[in-house]
Each structure stands twice: as C-alpha cells, then as structure tokens.
Protein backbone atom coordinates (compact mmCIF):
# COMPACT_ATOMS: atom_id res chain seq x y z
CA MET A 1 0.08 0.03 0.05
CA SER A 2 1.08 3.55 -0.61
CA ARG A 3 2.66 5.66 2.10
CA ILE A 4 0.58 8.18 3.94
CA TYR A 5 2.06 11.58 4.73
CA LEU A 6 0.81 12.95 8.11
CA ASP A 7 3.66 15.43 8.93
CA TRP A 8 2.31 18.64 7.14
CA ASN A 9 3.27 20.90 10.15
CA ALA A 10 6.97 19.94 9.35
CA THR A 11 6.52 20.88 5.78
CA ALA A 12 3.41 20.61 3.54
CA PRO A 13 3.33 19.23 0.19
CA LEU A 14 4.13 21.67 -2.60
CA ARG A 15 0.76 23.10 -3.95
CA PRO A 16 0.42 22.79 -7.73
CA GLU A 17 -0.36 26.54 -7.76
CA ALA A 18 3.10 27.21 -6.31
CA ARG A 19 4.71 24.77 -8.61
CA ALA A 20 3.11 26.55 -11.71
CA ALA A 21 4.00 30.05 -10.46
CA MET A 22 7.65 28.90 -9.68
CA ALA A 23 8.10 27.46 -13.25
CA ASP A 24 6.93 30.64 -14.86
CA ALA A 25 9.20 32.75 -12.66
CA LEU A 26 12.23 30.76 -13.55
CA ASP A 27 11.84 31.88 -17.23
CA VAL A 28 12.26 35.63 -16.02
CA ILE A 29 15.89 36.28 -16.48
CA GLY A 30 16.27 39.75 -15.07
CA ASN A 31 17.47 40.73 -11.66
CA PRO A 32 14.81 42.84 -9.91
CA SER A 33 17.46 45.43 -9.09
CA SER A 34 18.56 46.07 -12.68
CA VAL A 35 17.03 49.09 -14.50
CA HIS A 36 16.79 47.44 -18.05
CA ALA A 37 13.58 45.83 -19.56
CA GLU A 38 14.43 42.44 -18.13
CA GLY A 39 15.09 43.86 -14.69
CA ARG A 40 11.91 45.74 -14.74
CA ALA A 41 9.95 42.64 -15.69
CA ALA A 42 11.50 40.84 -12.81
CA LYS A 43 10.78 43.74 -10.37
CA MET A 44 7.04 43.75 -11.65
CA LEU A 45 6.80 39.96 -10.73
CA LEU A 46 8.38 40.61 -7.46
CA GLU A 47 6.04 43.34 -6.45
CA ARG A 48 3.03 41.38 -7.87
CA ALA A 49 3.92 38.50 -5.65
CA ARG A 50 4.46 40.83 -2.67
CA GLU A 51 0.90 42.37 -3.35
CA GLN A 52 -0.54 38.89 -3.65
CA LEU A 53 1.01 37.81 -0.23
CA ALA A 54 -0.10 41.05 1.44
CA GLU A 55 -3.61 40.56 0.41
CA ALA A 56 -3.61 36.92 1.87
CA LEU A 57 -2.18 38.26 5.06
CA GLY A 58 -4.24 41.25 5.38
CA ALA A 59 -1.31 43.46 5.59
CA ALA A 60 0.17 46.46 3.54
CA GLN A 61 2.28 45.53 0.62
CA SER A 62 5.14 47.90 1.77
CA ASP A 63 5.27 46.26 5.07
CA ILE A 64 6.39 42.83 3.87
CA VAL A 65 10.15 41.87 3.90
CA PHE A 66 11.08 38.55 2.13
CA THR A 67 13.56 36.48 3.90
CA SER A 68 14.91 32.91 3.64
CA GLY A 69 12.38 31.65 5.93
CA ALA A 70 10.65 32.22 9.36
CA THR A 71 13.90 31.64 11.20
CA GLU A 72 15.57 34.64 9.53
CA ALA A 73 12.54 36.68 9.92
CA ALA A 74 12.41 35.85 13.66
CA ALA A 75 15.98 37.01 14.03
CA LEU A 76 15.24 40.21 12.12
CA ALA A 77 12.17 40.97 14.25
CA LEU A 78 13.66 39.85 17.63
CA ALA A 79 17.52 40.56 17.57
CA GLY A 80 18.49 42.81 20.44
CA ARG A 81 14.90 43.54 21.80
CA GLY A 82 15.09 41.32 24.89
CA LEU A 83 11.37 40.30 24.82
CA ALA A 84 9.84 37.85 27.25
CA CYS A 85 8.51 34.48 25.87
CA ALA A 86 7.21 31.13 27.07
CA GLY A 87 8.74 27.61 26.64
CA ILE A 88 6.04 26.70 24.03
CA GLU A 89 7.68 29.04 21.40
CA HIS A 90 9.83 27.72 18.46
CA ASP A 91 13.46 27.54 19.06
CA CYS A 92 14.16 30.29 16.37
CA VAL A 93 12.15 32.58 18.71
CA ARG A 94 13.35 31.36 22.20
CA VAL A 95 16.95 31.91 21.28
CA TRP A 96 16.40 35.63 21.15
CA CYS A 97 14.15 35.99 24.11
CA ASP A 98 14.08 35.76 27.87
CA GLU A 99 12.19 32.73 28.69
CA THR A 100 9.97 34.17 31.58
CA LEU A 101 6.49 33.53 30.81
CA GLN A 102 4.49 30.75 32.06
CA ALA A 103 2.07 28.47 30.06
CA GLY A 104 -0.90 26.78 31.55
CA ARG A 105 -1.59 22.98 31.18
CA ASP A 106 -3.91 23.99 28.41
CA GLY A 107 -0.99 25.68 26.49
CA GLN A 108 -2.44 29.09 26.84
CA VAL A 109 -0.13 32.12 27.86
CA ALA A 110 -1.23 35.36 29.25
CA PRO A 111 1.76 37.96 29.09
CA PRO A 112 1.49 40.57 31.91
CA ASP A 113 3.06 43.20 29.56
CA PRO A 114 2.27 42.50 26.00
CA ALA A 115 4.26 45.21 24.66
CA SER A 116 7.46 43.62 25.95
CA ALA A 117 6.50 40.02 24.94
CA THR A 118 6.31 37.65 21.88
CA LEU A 119 3.56 34.98 21.64
CA GLN A 120 2.96 32.60 18.81
CA LEU A 121 -0.38 32.50 17.01
CA ALA A 122 -0.57 28.72 17.02
CA ASN A 123 1.74 25.84 18.30
CA SER A 124 3.15 23.34 15.89
CA GLU A 125 3.26 20.39 18.22
CA THR A 126 -0.23 20.69 19.93
CA GLY A 127 -2.06 22.91 17.62
CA VAL A 128 -3.08 25.30 20.51
CA ILE A 129 -4.25 28.69 19.26
CA GLN A 130 -3.40 31.75 21.36
CA THR A 131 -5.71 34.61 21.85
CA LEU A 132 -3.17 37.41 21.09
CA PRO A 133 -3.47 40.14 23.61
CA PRO A 134 -3.80 43.78 22.22
CA GLY A 135 -0.47 45.68 22.01
CA LEU A 136 1.52 42.44 21.65
CA ALA A 137 4.99 43.32 20.26
CA ILE A 138 5.73 40.13 18.12
CA SER A 139 3.89 37.00 17.04
CA ASP A 140 5.20 33.98 15.18
CA LEU A 141 2.29 33.48 12.81
CA THR A 142 3.91 30.48 10.89
CA GLN A 143 1.70 27.72 11.87
CA GLY A 144 -1.42 29.65 11.73
CA PHE A 145 -1.01 31.45 8.27
CA GLY A 146 -3.07 29.64 5.80
CA LYS A 147 -4.68 27.11 8.23
CA ILE A 148 -7.01 29.47 10.22
CA PRO A 149 -8.46 32.74 9.04
CA PHE A 150 -6.94 36.09 10.38
CA ALA A 151 -5.88 39.42 9.12
CA PHE A 152 -2.46 40.88 10.20
CA ASP A 153 -3.93 44.47 10.45
CA TRP A 154 -6.63 43.20 12.81
CA LEU A 155 -4.19 41.40 15.36
CA GLY A 156 -2.89 44.56 16.71
CA ILE A 157 0.67 43.41 16.73
CA ARG A 158 3.79 45.29 15.67
CA ALA A 159 5.50 42.36 13.61
CA GLY A 160 4.98 38.78 12.54
CA MET A 161 6.87 35.94 11.06
CA VAL A 162 5.42 33.56 8.25
CA SER A 163 7.05 30.70 6.21
CA ALA A 164 6.09 29.44 2.83
CA HIS A 165 6.60 25.82 3.13
CA LYS A 166 4.12 25.35 6.12
CA LEU A 167 1.12 26.15 3.76
CA GLY A 168 2.28 24.41 0.53
CA GLY A 169 4.89 26.74 -0.87
CA PRO A 170 8.55 26.07 -1.51
CA ARG A 171 11.24 25.71 1.23
CA GLY A 172 13.62 28.37 1.79
CA ILE A 173 11.42 31.45 1.79
CA GLY A 174 9.48 33.50 4.36
CA ALA A 175 8.66 36.94 5.31
CA LEU A 176 8.70 39.53 8.15
CA VAL A 177 5.37 41.46 8.39
CA LEU A 178 5.66 44.90 9.93
CA ALA A 179 2.75 47.11 11.31
CA ALA A 180 2.50 50.58 9.77
CA GLY A 181 5.44 52.86 11.04
CA GLU A 182 7.39 49.78 12.38
CA ASP A 183 10.84 49.19 10.97
CA ARG A 184 13.80 46.96 11.49
CA GLU A 185 17.57 47.42 10.77
CA ALA A 186 18.87 45.05 8.45
CA LEU A 187 20.99 42.07 9.71
CA LEU A 188 22.18 41.12 6.18
CA ARG A 189 23.70 44.18 4.62
CA GLY A 190 25.01 45.06 1.25
CA GLY A 191 22.78 45.85 -1.77
CA GLY A 192 20.00 47.62 0.07
CA GLN A 193 17.16 45.24 -1.22
CA GLU A 194 13.82 44.97 0.50
CA SER A 195 13.70 48.71 1.10
CA GLY A 196 17.12 48.46 2.96
CA ARG A 197 15.87 45.91 5.55
CA ARG A 198 17.21 42.74 4.03
CA ALA A 199 20.18 42.82 1.46
CA GLY A 200 20.71 40.21 -1.21
CA THR A 201 19.05 39.41 -4.63
CA GLU A 202 15.40 38.16 -4.01
CA ASN A 203 14.68 34.52 -4.67
CA LEU A 204 12.19 35.44 -7.42
CA ALA A 205 10.91 31.75 -8.03
CA ALA A 206 10.50 30.95 -4.47
CA ILE A 207 8.68 34.29 -3.81
CA ALA A 208 6.29 33.65 -6.66
CA GLY A 209 5.58 30.19 -5.26
CA PHE A 210 5.07 31.48 -1.80
CA ALA A 211 2.45 34.08 -3.01
CA ALA A 212 0.62 31.52 -5.15
CA ALA A 213 0.42 29.03 -2.27
CA ALA A 214 -0.85 31.82 0.10
CA ALA A 215 -3.51 32.70 -2.33
CA ALA A 216 -4.66 28.97 -2.70
CA ALA A 217 -4.74 28.44 0.98
CA GLN A 218 -6.96 31.52 1.39
CA ARG A 219 -9.32 30.17 -1.22
CA ASP A 220 -9.44 26.78 0.86
CA LEU A 221 -10.26 28.67 3.92
CA ALA A 222 -13.00 30.52 2.46
CA GLY A 223 -14.43 27.16 0.94
CA GLY A 224 -14.86 25.56 4.47
CA MET A 225 -11.49 23.76 4.88
CA VAL A 226 -11.20 24.61 8.65
CA GLU A 227 -14.56 22.83 9.36
CA ARG A 228 -13.69 19.83 7.25
CA LEU A 229 -10.20 19.22 8.77
CA ALA A 230 -11.56 19.86 12.25
CA GLU A 231 -14.21 17.11 11.85
CA MET A 232 -11.43 14.77 10.57
CA ARG A 233 -9.14 15.54 13.49
CA ASP A 234 -11.85 15.00 15.87
CA HIS A 235 -12.84 11.67 14.29
CA LEU A 236 -9.21 10.51 14.60
CA MET A 237 -9.16 11.50 18.31
CA ASP A 238 -12.34 9.39 18.90
CA ARG A 239 -10.86 6.50 17.14
CA LEU A 240 -7.68 6.67 19.24
CA GLU A 241 -9.87 6.94 22.54
CA ILE A 242 -11.61 3.68 21.93
CA ALA A 243 -9.20 1.55 23.85
CA GLU A 244 -8.15 1.76 27.47
CA GLY A 245 -7.80 5.31 28.46
CA ILE A 246 -4.00 5.66 29.01
CA THR A 247 -3.68 8.08 26.05
CA MET A 248 -4.00 12.00 26.31
CA PHE A 249 -4.30 14.68 23.93
CA PRO A 250 -2.31 17.75 24.98
CA GLY A 251 -4.20 21.08 24.32
CA ARG A 252 -7.60 19.29 23.71
CA ASP A 253 -9.31 21.84 26.10
CA SER A 254 -8.12 24.75 24.04
CA PRO A 255 -8.88 26.08 20.50
CA ARG A 256 -6.61 24.18 18.22
CA LEU A 257 -5.54 24.04 14.57
CA PRO A 258 -8.03 21.95 12.76
CA GLN A 259 -5.44 19.57 11.29
CA THR A 260 -3.21 18.97 14.11
CA LEU A 261 -3.48 16.29 16.93
CA SER A 262 -0.92 15.66 19.80
CA ILE A 263 -1.10 12.02 21.08
CA LEU A 264 0.60 11.36 24.43
CA THR A 265 1.02 7.93 25.87
CA PRO A 266 3.07 8.02 29.09
CA GLY A 267 5.96 5.49 28.99
CA TRP A 268 5.80 4.75 25.20
CA LYS A 269 8.58 6.82 23.64
CA GLY A 270 7.60 9.21 20.89
CA GLU A 271 10.85 8.14 18.87
CA THR A 272 9.77 4.50 19.14
CA GLN A 273 6.18 5.44 17.80
CA VAL A 274 7.69 7.37 14.96
CA MET A 275 9.74 4.46 13.80
CA GLN A 276 6.96 1.91 14.11
CA MET A 277 4.64 4.12 12.28
CA ASP A 278 7.27 4.75 9.50
CA LEU A 279 7.68 1.02 9.01
CA ALA A 280 3.87 0.80 8.81
CA GLY A 281 3.86 3.41 6.06
CA PHE A 282 2.97 6.62 7.79
CA ALA A 283 5.09 9.68 8.17
CA VAL A 284 4.60 11.30 11.42
CA SER A 285 6.62 13.15 14.03
CA ALA A 286 7.34 13.49 17.64
CA GLY A 287 7.36 17.21 17.58
CA SER A 288 9.10 20.10 15.74
CA ALA A 289 11.32 19.18 12.79
CA CYS A 290 13.88 21.70 13.52
CA SER A 291 15.96 19.65 15.78
CA SER A 292 18.80 18.45 13.50
CA GLY A 293 16.92 15.15 12.91
CA LYS A 294 16.99 14.22 16.58
CA VAL A 295 14.04 13.15 18.52
CA ARG A 296 14.15 14.55 22.13
CA GLU A 297 11.86 15.50 24.95
CA SER A 298 9.26 18.25 23.97
CA GLY A 299 10.03 21.56 25.43
CA VAL A 300 6.62 22.57 24.62
CA LEU A 301 5.14 19.79 26.64
CA ARG A 302 7.40 20.47 29.49
CA ALA A 303 6.36 24.06 29.60
CA MET A 304 2.69 22.85 29.70
CA GLY A 305 3.58 20.89 32.85
CA VAL A 306 4.09 17.43 31.39
CA ALA A 307 6.54 15.75 33.79
CA GLY A 308 9.84 13.95 33.26
CA GLN A 309 10.27 11.44 30.50
CA ASP A 310 6.50 11.65 29.60
CA ALA A 311 7.27 14.85 27.66
CA GLY A 312 9.21 12.56 25.19
CA CYS A 313 6.34 10.30 24.77
CA ALA A 314 4.14 12.32 22.28
CA LEU A 315 3.54 11.77 18.73
CA ARG A 316 2.13 14.52 16.41
CA VAL A 317 -0.26 13.97 13.57
CA SER A 318 -0.74 16.85 11.09
CA PHE A 319 -2.52 16.72 7.64
CA GLY A 320 -4.01 18.98 5.05
CA GLY A 321 -6.30 19.32 2.09
CA THR A 322 -5.43 16.21 0.19
CA THR A 323 -5.73 13.92 3.44
CA THR A 324 -8.73 11.71 3.33
CA ARG A 325 -10.77 10.17 6.16
CA GLU A 326 -9.75 6.83 4.97
CA ASP A 327 -5.90 7.84 5.53
CA LEU A 328 -6.71 8.66 9.11
CA ASP A 329 -8.69 5.51 9.68
CA ARG A 330 -5.61 3.53 8.25
CA PHE A 331 -3.36 5.44 10.57
CA ALA A 332 -5.66 4.87 13.61
CA ASP A 333 -5.78 1.08 12.88
CA ALA A 334 -1.96 0.98 12.60
CA TRP A 335 -1.27 2.94 15.79
CA LEU A 336 -3.87 1.21 17.85
CA SER A 337 -2.31 -2.26 16.81
CA ALA A 338 1.14 -0.90 17.72
CA ARG A 339 -0.22 0.37 21.13
CA ALA A 340 -1.80 -2.94 21.92
CA ARG A 341 1.74 -4.67 21.29
CA TRP A 342 3.37 -2.11 23.55
CA GLN A 343 0.91 -2.56 26.28
CA GLY A 344 1.19 -6.33 26.02
CA LYS A 345 4.98 -5.75 26.51
CA GLN A 346 4.33 -3.75 29.68
CA GLY A 347 1.98 -6.38 31.23
CA ARG A 348 -0.97 -3.88 30.86
C-alpha cells in the first residue's frame, strides 16, 4: 500500500499553484534591481507577488520583507529586543528571548506586559491557538497562516513571521510582516534590497511560489477547509480513544488548529512510535522538525507541565487538504495495533 504523509506541520506538500508559479518565474531572467527591461519585468513579478502575499495576510504591501524563512524573519524581528516568551515557542524565537512567561496545562499564555512579549499564534506540536493580547510586540504566525483565518492588520501586533513551506509553498522562503510605522535594521547588509531591510538578490521563483500558495490557502479557507479538517481531527481522536484510556491529547481543552493532533501515551517513547509508524507506511513526527533530525523530549510539553520522561512520549499527526478520512482511519488502525503490542509488553 502507498505511504501516507501526516507531517504537514513540518512541511506541507507543494501546491500545484505554487509549482506552476515557480516554473513561470524561472523563465524571467532579469535581476529585480536592474534598470533594463528584463530587470523591470523581474521587479514587476516581485512586487506582484508581494501584493498577492499582502492580500492573503491582510497587511500592507510595503510592510512585507522577504527572507529565507521564518527563522531569519524571527532574527530580524527579535534581535536585540530582549522580549519575554514562554517555553512553548519555537526554538528560533526562544533563542532571542528571555524565557520568563508561563504556559498553563492547556497551553495558553497570558503575558502581563504584551508590549514586551512575543507569543505565537498557533503551536506546531499541540495545535493550540492563542488569543493574542492587544499591544503584543511580536507573534510567530507561521503555523496559523493559511490554516486558520486572520488578518494581520486586525491582530494589533507590531510584527509577525511567516513561512512558505508550512502552507504548501517552497522551502527556503518566508517573510517578516511589519505594522505601519514599524521598521527593522537589516541584519544582512550590502545591496539594500527589500527597502534596505534585507540585502541580497530576491529569490524570485520561491517568492512567486510563496504568493501563489498563500492565495490558494486563502481560497481553501473561504471554501470551508477549517470545518472539514477539524471534523477529521476529531474523528481521529475518537478512534484513538476507543481503547483503554491511557492516552491523552495535550491541548484538547483549548482552541486548536483543525489539522493537528498531539497524542501522548506516558511510557511509550515518541521516537519508538515514529519508527513503528514509519515502518507501517505513515510519516508522522514526535514534535518540531527543527532539531537536526533528533527526537528529544518536547520543550513545549514540559512548558505545559508534562512531567519528566513523559514529555518525550508524544506523537504529532498533522495533515491537510489532500488527506482523506480513510487515510486517518488507516493510521488509527496501525497505531492502535502498535499500542496494543506495547501494552502487552508492559503487562498492562
């Protein structure tokens, strides 16, 4: 039987709209910074993509800075600011922050001083969605963009980060989004591209793919994708709860991304589960993919109060628009069978 990909939060399959836009952009030979006709054509394509992405984000075109991904966007947004954050944040955010905020067992965080804090919109491991407080300094929008509806201009934040490959665009391209009047000093200096905020010739093909994927994701949202995927997530959770109740679902009491399910079985290592499911034909993960290929205890779950080694016993299932209910049922059958074998070895 064919393999089933259930690790969309790590990277989503490339959307056909993105593939087509990238192929067209590769035929544009000019450098967007050149003044001749070919350069002007490249510049026109670049700004059209920026406008398309701005429309999908609900932001101003002039306030989007293209970067190599959300990690670089986080550095550009956060470097030298000394903001507070919680342990649920992605490592690329935590490295720039003072980890002084506390997350509840439901994954929610309430910064006492939002203007001095950064708080993600949605968590990649649990899917927990935050209610961003008014006046928040910065938010990592990466896992929410294209998966739940929002408009940057309505969030009331000063800056946000997004990434293409989480919503079906190419890898290696992202953006920093700035509120009106907000600016950042370039970390990469030289050519003065991106209005002086990020030097280096723009990756035109990737940018075109990013914009096309973002537009396609917004069409999916308008077409009821959230409701359909949330029903599938809840169906999978119901399937996995039918056996003896030793498995938990971190974040289940909070609003969550519609296509993300965290599955925690104390004592059964996430690494073991990932390997067993891989052999059974399913691509899943034990948490964030940004750990140099290593499976380790989840800092997110530790921050949510999951004790000791149990923080290393979670499995994440994430899916998307091409996933079917049958795919999830097949996964549930394989996982329940593996869990029964593990329970047998534990003498349970």
